[in-house]
PDB file of N, CA and C in Angstrom:
ATOM      1  N   MET A   1       0.776  -1.224   0.157  1.00  0.00           N
ATOM      2  CA  MET A   1      -0.289  -0.291   0.338  1.00  0.00           C
ATOM      3  C   MET A   1       1.113   1.614  -0.334  1.00  0.00           C
ATOM      4  N   ALA A   2       0.497   2.123  -1.138  1.00  0.00           N
ATOM      5  CA  ALA A   2       1.345   3.414  -1.284  1.00  0.00           C
ATOM      6  C   ALA A   2       0.127   4.762  -0.760  1.00  0.00           C
ATOM      7  N   VAL A   3       0.420   5.155   0.414  1.00  0.00           N
ATOM      8  CA  VAL A   3      -0.048   5.903   0.935  1.00  0.00           C
ATOM      9  C   VAL A   3       0.182   7.456   0.905  1.00  0.00           C
ATOM     10  N   ARG A   4      -0.480   8.116   0.202  1.00  0.00           N
ATOM     11  CA  ARG A   4      -0.357   9.627  -0.012  1.00  0.00           C
ATOM     12  C   ARG A   4      -1.000  10.508   0.565  1.00  0.00           C
ATOM     13  N   THR A   5      -0.569  12.020   0.537  1.00  0.00           N
ATOM     14  CA  THR A   5      -0.865  12.852   1.583  1.00  0.00           C
ATOM     15  C   THR A   5      -0.764  14.185   0.788  1.00  0.00           C
ATOM     16  N   ASP A   6      -2.004  14.891   0.977  1.00  0.00           N
ATOM     17  CA  ASP A   6      -2.072  16.129  -0.008  1.00  0.00           C
ATOM     18  C   ASP A   6      -2.896  16.875   0.753  1.00  0.00           C
ATOM     19  N   THR A   7      -2.989  18.581   0.883  1.00  0.00           N
ATOM     20  CA  THR A   7      -3.700  19.349   1.742  1.00  0.00           C
ATOM     21  C   THR A   7      -4.121  20.639   0.114  1.00  0.00           C
ATOM     22  N   ILE A   8      -5.378  20.251  -0.007  1.00  0.00           N
ATOM     23  CA  ILE A   8      -5.784  20.755  -0.819  1.00  0.00           C
ATOM     24  C   ILE A   8      -6.769  22.272  -0.228  1.00  0.00           C
ATOM     25  N   HIS A   9      -6.624  23.266  -0.890  1.00  0.00           N
ATOM     26  CA  HIS A   9      -7.564  24.388  -0.559  1.00  0.00           C
ATOM     27  C   HIS A   9      -8.912  24.776  -1.217  1.00  0.00           C
ATOM     28  N   VAL A  10     -10.169  24.211  -0.612  1.00  0.00           N
ATOM     29  CA  VAL A  10     -11.718  24.405  -1.398  1.00  0.00           C
ATOM     30  C   VAL A  10     -12.062  25.723  -0.892  1.00  0.00           C
ATOM     31  N   SER A  11     -12.461  25.984  -2.018  1.00  0.00           N
ATOM     32  CA  SER A  11     -14.154  27.048  -1.482  1.00  0.00           C
ATOM     33  C   SER A  11     -15.369  26.511  -1.152  1.00  0.00           C
ATOM     34  N   GLY A  12     -16.337  27.020  -0.127  1.00  0.00           N
ATOM     35  CA  GLY A  12     -17.289  26.443   0.539  1.00  0.00           C
ATOM     36  C   GLY A  12     -17.630  26.088   1.849  1.00  0.00           C
ATOM     37  N   ILE A  13     -16.355  26.004   2.373  1.00  0.00           N
ATOM     38  CA  ILE A  13     -16.392  25.807   3.769  1.00  0.00           C
ATOM     39  C   ILE A  13     -16.479  27.202   4.870  1.00  0.00           C
ATOM     40  N   ARG A  14     -17.660  27.078   5.687  1.00  0.00           N
ATOM     41  CA  ARG A  14     -17.790  28.437   6.236  1.00  0.00           C
ATOM     42  C   ARG A  14     -18.328  27.806   7.416  1.00  0.00           C
ATOM     43  N   CYS A  15     -18.797  26.836   7.807  1.00  0.00           N
ATOM     44  CA  CYS A  15     -18.917  26.752   9.334  1.00  0.00           C
ATOM     45  C   CYS A  15     -18.779  25.267   9.361  1.00  0.00           C
ATOM     46  N   GLU A  16     -19.138  24.516  10.427  1.00  0.00           N
ATOM     47  CA  GLU A  16     -18.946  23.358  11.101  1.00  0.00           C
ATOM     48  C   GLU A  16     -19.992  22.489  10.067  1.00  0.00           C
ATOM     49  N   ARG A  17     -21.289  22.930   9.695  1.00  0.00           N
ATOM     50  CA  ARG A  17     -22.415  21.986   9.009  1.00  0.00           C
ATOM     51  C   ARG A  17     -21.605  21.864   7.563  1.00  0.00           C
ATOM     52  N   CYS A  18     -20.653  22.650   6.969  1.00  0.00           N
ATOM     53  CA  CYS A  18     -19.908  22.501   5.814  1.00  0.00           C
ATOM     54  C   CYS A  18     -18.755  21.228   6.004  1.00  0.00           C
ATOM     55  N   VAL A  19     -18.232  21.410   7.359  1.00  0.00           N
ATOM     56  CA  VAL A  19     -17.347  20.183   7.415  1.00  0.00           C
ATOM     57  C   VAL A  19     -17.827  19.043   7.737  1.00  0.00           C
ATOM     58  N   ASN A  20     -19.268  19.038   8.049  1.00  0.00           N
ATOM     59  CA  ASN A  20     -19.892  17.715   8.162  1.00  0.00           C
ATOM     60  C   ASN A  20     -20.381  17.362   6.649  1.00  0.00           C
ATOM     61  N   ARG A  21     -20.922  17.845   6.068  1.00  0.00           N
ATOM     62  CA  ARG A  21     -21.284  17.803   4.559  1.00  0.00           C
ATOM     63  C   ARG A  21     -19.499  17.337   3.932  1.00  0.00           C
ATOM     64  N   LEU A  22     -18.781  18.100   3.815  1.00  0.00           N
ATOM     65  CA  LEU A  22     -17.874  17.424   3.523  1.00  0.00           C
ATOM     66  C   LEU A  22     -17.462  16.144   3.899  1.00  0.00           C
ATOM     67  N   ALA A  23     -17.415  15.637   5.231  1.00  0.00           N
ATOM     68  CA  ALA A  23     -17.002  14.336   6.233  1.00  0.00           C
ATOM     69  C   ALA A  23     -18.191  13.189   5.038  1.00  0.00           C
ATOM     70  N   VAL A  24     -19.343  13.571   4.503  1.00  0.00           N
ATOM     71  CA  VAL A  24     -20.235  12.831   4.266  1.00  0.00           C
ATOM     72  C   VAL A  24     -19.927  12.387   2.741  1.00  0.00           C
ATOM     73  N   ALA A  25     -19.584  13.785   1.471  1.00  0.00           N
ATOM     74  CA  ALA A  25     -19.603  13.386   1.001  1.00  0.00           C
ATOM     75  C   ALA A  25     -18.110  12.843   0.348  1.00  0.00           C
ATOM     76  N   LEU A  26     -17.096  12.213   1.441  1.00  0.00           N
ATOM     77  CA  LEU A  26     -15.858  11.387   1.148  1.00  0.00           C
ATOM     78  C   LEU A  26     -15.866  10.213   2.202  1.00  0.00           C
ATOM     79  N   ARG A  27     -17.089   9.985   2.860  1.00  0.00           N
ATOM     80  CA  ARG A  27     -17.270   8.935   3.961  1.00  0.00           C
ATOM     81  C   ARG A  27     -17.006   7.406   3.430  1.00  0.00           C
ATOM     82  N   ARG A  28     -17.121   7.113   2.443  1.00  0.00           N
ATOM     83  CA  ARG A  28     -17.320   5.700   1.718  1.00  0.00           C
ATOM     84  C   ARG A  28     -16.545   5.922   0.528  1.00  0.00           C
ATOM     85  N   HIS A  29     -15.606   6.750   0.404  1.00  0.00           N
ATOM     86  CA  HIS A  29     -14.676   6.523  -0.669  1.00  0.00           C
ATOM     87  C   HIS A  29     -13.408   5.234  -0.691  1.00  0.00           C
ATOM     88  N   ASP A  30     -13.859   4.575  -0.993  1.00  0.00           N
ATOM     89  CA  ASP A  30     -12.859   3.729  -1.397  1.00  0.00           C
ATOM     90  C   ASP A  30     -11.223   3.869  -1.408  1.00  0.00           C
ATOM     91  N   GLY A  31     -10.672   3.521  -0.716  1.00  0.00           N
ATOM     92  CA  GLY A  31      -9.106   3.793  -0.850  1.00  0.00           C
ATOM     93  C   GLY A  31      -8.657   5.171  -0.122  1.00  0.00           C
ATOM     94  N   LEU A  32      -9.715   5.807   0.676  1.00  0.00           N
ATOM     95  CA  LEU A  32      -9.379   7.181   1.230  1.00  0.00           C
ATOM     96  C   LEU A  32      -9.137   6.692   2.842  1.00  0.00           C
ATOM     97  N   GLU A  33      -7.864   6.922   3.389  1.00  0.00           N
ATOM     98  CA  GLU A  33      -7.191   6.935   4.342  1.00  0.00           C
ATOM     99  C   GLU A  33      -8.053   7.731   5.922  1.00  0.00           C
ATOM    100  N   SER A  34      -7.769   8.904   5.253  1.00  0.00           N
ATOM    101  CA  SER A  34      -7.999   9.998   6.570  1.00  0.00           C
ATOM    102  C   SER A  34      -8.315  11.031   5.607  1.00  0.00           C
ATOM    103  N   ALA A  35      -9.286  12.036   6.370  1.00  0.00           N
ATOM    104  CA  ALA A  35     -10.058  13.306   5.600  1.00  0.00           C
ATOM    105  C   ALA A  35      -9.660  14.691   6.816  1.00  0.00           C
ATOM    106  N   ARG A  36      -9.432  15.897   6.760  1.00  0.00           N
ATOM    107  CA  ARG A  36      -9.514  16.620   8.135  1.00  0.00           C
ATOM    108  C   ARG A  36      -9.363  17.728   7.139  1.00  0.00           C
ATOM    109  N   ALA A  37     -10.555  18.854   7.764  1.00  0.00           N
ATOM    110  CA  ALA A  37     -10.675  19.930   6.992  1.00  0.00           C
ATOM    111  C   ALA A  37     -10.904  21.213   8.159  1.00  0.00           C
ATOM    112  N   ASN A  38     -10.637  22.299   7.809  1.00  0.00           N
ATOM    113  CA  ASN A  38     -10.789  23.519   8.974  1.00  0.00           C
ATOM    114  C   ASN A  38     -11.613  24.544   8.195  1.00  0.00           C
ATOM    115  N   LEU A  39     -11.975  25.349   9.151  1.00  0.00           N
ATOM    116  CA  LEU A  39     -12.432  26.744   8.593  1.00  0.00           C
ATOM    117  C   LEU A  39     -11.849  27.645   7.362  1.00  0.00           C
ATOM    118  N   LEU A  40     -10.444  27.346   7.547  1.00  0.00           N
ATOM    119  CA  LEU A  40     -10.035  28.090   6.474  1.00  0.00           C
ATOM    120  C   LEU A  40     -10.055  27.943   5.055  1.00  0.00           C
ATOM    121  N   GLY A  41     -10.552  26.567   4.842  1.00  0.00           N
ATOM    122  CA  GLY A  41     -10.809  25.952   3.648  1.00  0.00           C
ATOM    123  C   GLY A  41      -9.866  24.812   3.486  1.00  0.00           C
ATOM    124  N   GLU A  42      -8.861  24.393   4.514  1.00  0.00           N
ATOM    125  CA  GLU A  42      -7.496  23.502   4.070  1.00  0.00           C
ATOM    126  C   GLU A  42      -8.256  22.205   4.529  1.00  0.00           C
ATOM    127  N   VAL A  43      -8.264  21.365   3.284  1.00  0.00           N
ATOM    128  CA  VAL A  43      -8.818  19.390   3.492  1.00  0.00           C
ATOM    129  C   VAL A  43      -7.679  19.025   3.338  1.00  0.00           C
ATOM    130  N   THR A  44      -7.110  18.261   4.388  1.00  0.00           N
ATOM    131  CA  THR A  44      -5.640  17.387   4.072  1.00  0.00           C
ATOM    132  C   THR A  44      -6.449  15.942   3.943  1.00  0.00           C
ATOM    133  N   LEU A  45      -5.856  15.060   3.267  1.00  0.00           N
ATOM    134  CA  LEU A  45      -6.524  14.058   2.411  1.00  0.00           C
ATOM    135  C   LEU A  45      -5.263  12.974   2.618  1.00  0.00           C
ATOM    136  N   SER A  46      -5.335  12.137   3.068  1.00  0.00           N
ATOM    137  CA  SER A  46      -4.528  10.880   2.784  1.00  0.00           C
ATOM    138  C   SER A  46      -5.115   9.766   2.286  1.00  0.00           C
ATOM    139  N   TRP A  47      -4.781   8.618   0.934  1.00  0.00           N
ATOM    140  CA  TRP A  47      -5.106   7.861   0.589  1.00  0.00           C
ATOM    141  C   TRP A  47      -4.116   7.082   0.362  1.00  0.00           C
ATOM    142  N   ASP A  48      -4.958   5.716   0.094  1.00  0.00           N
ATOM    143  CA  ASP A  48      -3.971   4.201  -0.851  1.00  0.00           C
ATOM    144  C   ASP A  48      -4.015   4.778  -1.925  1.00  0.00           C
ATOM    145  N   ASP A  49      -2.605   5.054  -2.709  1.00  0.00           N
ATOM    146  CA  ASP A  49      -2.636   5.192  -4.321  1.00  0.00           C
ATOM    147  C   ASP A  49      -3.202   4.253  -5.163  1.00  0.00           C
ATOM    148  N   GLU A  50      -2.810   2.707  -4.192  1.00  0.00           N
ATOM    149  CA  GLU A  50      -3.576   1.566  -5.446  1.00  0.00           C
ATOM    150  C   GLU A  50      -5.065   1.937  -5.473  1.00  0.00           C
ATOM    151  N   ARG A  51      -5.733   2.034  -4.637  1.00  0.00           N
ATOM    152  CA  ARG A  51      -6.862   2.242  -4.607  1.00  0.00           C
ATOM    153  C   ARG A  51      -8.252   3.527  -4.917  1.00  0.00           C
ATOM    154  N   THR A  52      -7.368   4.835  -5.414  1.00  0.00           N
ATOM    155  CA  THR A  52      -7.694   5.897  -5.573  1.00  0.00           C
ATOM    156  C   THR A  52      -7.241   6.754  -5.773  1.00  0.00           C
ATOM    157  N   ASP A  53      -7.158   7.835  -6.496  1.00  0.00           N
ATOM    158  CA  ASP A  53      -6.128   8.888  -6.691  1.00  0.00           C
ATOM    159  C   ASP A  53      -6.705  10.404  -6.345  1.00  0.00           C
ATOM    160  N   ARG A  54      -5.820  11.424  -6.240  1.00  0.00           N
ATOM    161  CA  ARG A  54      -6.173  12.616  -5.515  1.00  0.00           C
ATOM    162  C   ARG A  54      -7.291  13.016  -6.611  1.00  0.00           C
ATOM    163  N   ASP A  55      -7.086  13.409  -7.931  1.00  0.00           N
ATOM    164  CA  ASP A  55      -8.492  13.558  -8.763  1.00  0.00           C
ATOM    165  C   ASP A  55      -9.739  13.089  -8.711  1.00  0.00           C
ATOM    166  N   ALA A  56     -10.034  12.237  -8.398  1.00  0.00           N
ATOM    167  CA  ALA A  56     -11.194  10.956  -7.974  1.00  0.00           C
ATOM    168  C   ALA A  56     -11.593  11.613  -6.532  1.00  0.00           C
ATOM    169  N   LEU A  57     -10.499  11.719  -5.508  1.00  0.00           N
ATOM    170  CA  LEU A  57     -11.129  12.956  -4.565  1.00  0.00           C
ATOM    171  C   LEU A  57     -11.520  14.140  -4.617  1.00  0.00           C
ATOM    172  N   VAL A  58     -10.649  15.051  -5.398  1.00  0.00           N
ATOM    173  CA  VAL A  58     -11.074  16.121  -5.485  1.00  0.00           C
ATOM    174  C   VAL A  58     -12.783  16.455  -6.516  1.00  0.00           C
ATOM    175  N   SER A  59     -12.858  15.171  -7.215  1.00  0.00           N
ATOM    176  CA  SER A  59     -13.931  15.383  -7.890  1.00  0.00           C
ATOM    177  C   SER A  59     -15.255  14.902  -6.947  1.00  0.00           C
ATOM    178  N   ALA A  60     -14.992  14.440  -6.206  1.00  0.00           N
ATOM    179  CA  ALA A  60     -15.957  13.722  -5.098  1.00  0.00           C
ATOM    180  C   ALA A  60     -16.162  14.874  -4.019  1.00  0.00           C
ATOM    181  N   LEU A  61     -15.151  15.469  -3.746  1.00  0.00           N
ATOM    182  CA  LEU A  61     -15.250  16.789  -3.050  1.00  0.00           C
ATOM    183  C   LEU A  61     -16.206  18.122  -4.258  1.00  0.00           C
ATOM    184  N   ALA A  62     -15.718  17.948  -5.032  1.00  0.00           N
ATOM    185  CA  ALA A  62     -16.706  19.167  -6.444  1.00  0.00           C
ATOM    186  C   ALA A  62     -18.081  18.854  -6.547  1.00  0.00           C
ATOM    187  N   GLY A  63     -18.261  17.419  -5.982  1.00  0.00           N
ATOM    188  CA  GLY A  63     -19.603  17.212  -6.029  1.00  0.00           C
ATOM    189  C   GLY A  63     -20.828  17.304  -4.961  1.00  0.00           C
ATOM    190  N   ALA A  64     -20.264  17.999  -4.122  1.00  0.00           N
ATOM    191  CA  ALA A  64     -20.441  18.187  -3.112  1.00  0.00           C
ATOM    192  C   ALA A  64     -20.725  19.471  -2.961  1.00  0.00           C
ATOM    193  N   GLY A  65     -19.912  20.023  -4.134  1.00  0.00           N
ATOM    194  CA  GLY A  65     -20.090  21.533  -3.706  1.00  0.00           C
ATOM    195  C   GLY A  65     -18.667  22.674  -3.261  1.00  0.00           C
ATOM    196  N   PHE A  66     -17.564  21.730  -3.480  1.00  0.00           N
ATOM    197  CA  PHE A  66     -16.425  22.282  -2.494  1.00  0.00           C
ATOM    198  C   PHE A  66     -15.621  22.477  -3.807  1.00  0.00           C
ATOM    199  N   ARG A  67     -15.110  23.525  -4.357  1.00  0.00           N
ATOM    200  CA  ARG A  67     -14.656  23.957  -5.348  1.00  0.00           C
ATOM    201  C   ARG A  67     -12.977  24.185  -5.124  1.00  0.00           C
ATOM    202  N   PRO A  68     -11.874  23.440  -5.848  1.00  0.00           N
ATOM    203  CA  PRO A  68     -10.562  23.380  -5.585  1.00  0.00           C
ATOM    204  C   PRO A  68      -9.916  24.741  -6.237  1.00  0.00           C
ATOM    205  N   LEU A  69      -9.523  25.292  -5.183  1.00  0.00           N
ATOM    206  CA  LEU A  69      -8.873  26.727  -5.383  1.00  0.00           C
ATOM    207  C   LEU A  69      -7.360  26.602  -6.397  1.00  0.00           C
ATOM    208  N   GLU A  70      -7.257  27.220  -6.835  1.00  0.00           N
ATOM    209  CA  GLU A  70      -6.270  27.485  -7.714  1.00  0.00           C
ATOM    210  C   GLU A  70      -4.623  27.356  -6.583  1.00  0.00           C
ATOM    211  N   ARG A  71      -3.623  26.720  -6.900  1.00  0.00           N
ATOM    212  CA  ARG A  71      -2.342  26.544  -5.660  1.00  0.00           C
ATOM    213  C   ARG A  71      -1.509  28.107  -6.437  1.00  0.00           C
ATOM    214  N   ALA A  72      -1.160  28.525  -5.472  1.00  0.00           N
ATOM    215  CA  ALA A  72      -0.045  29.581  -5.647  1.00  0.00           C
ATOM    216  C   ALA A  72       1.087  29.112  -6.754  1.00  0.00           C
ATOM    217  N   PRO A  73       1.986  30.098  -6.984  1.00  0.00           N
ATOM    218  CA  PRO A  73       2.673  29.560  -7.808  1.00  0.00           C
ATOM    219  C   PRO A  73       3.872  29.169  -6.640  1.00  0.00           C
TER     220      PRO A  73
END
């Protein structure tokens, strides 16, 4: 198992209900090891790279209304 971790900045996290909505969106995602979010819009994800990838997780977030923000250069 190859676990990868990345922090993604997303829009749409404004309150604890938003954090809970994000948790529900990712709850049963195959390969997700952990997810942590804060009210600054930072979502830290750890996943099994053999079972899922960053793009699939970002798509799940987007499907729940959380849009990833561009990374600073």
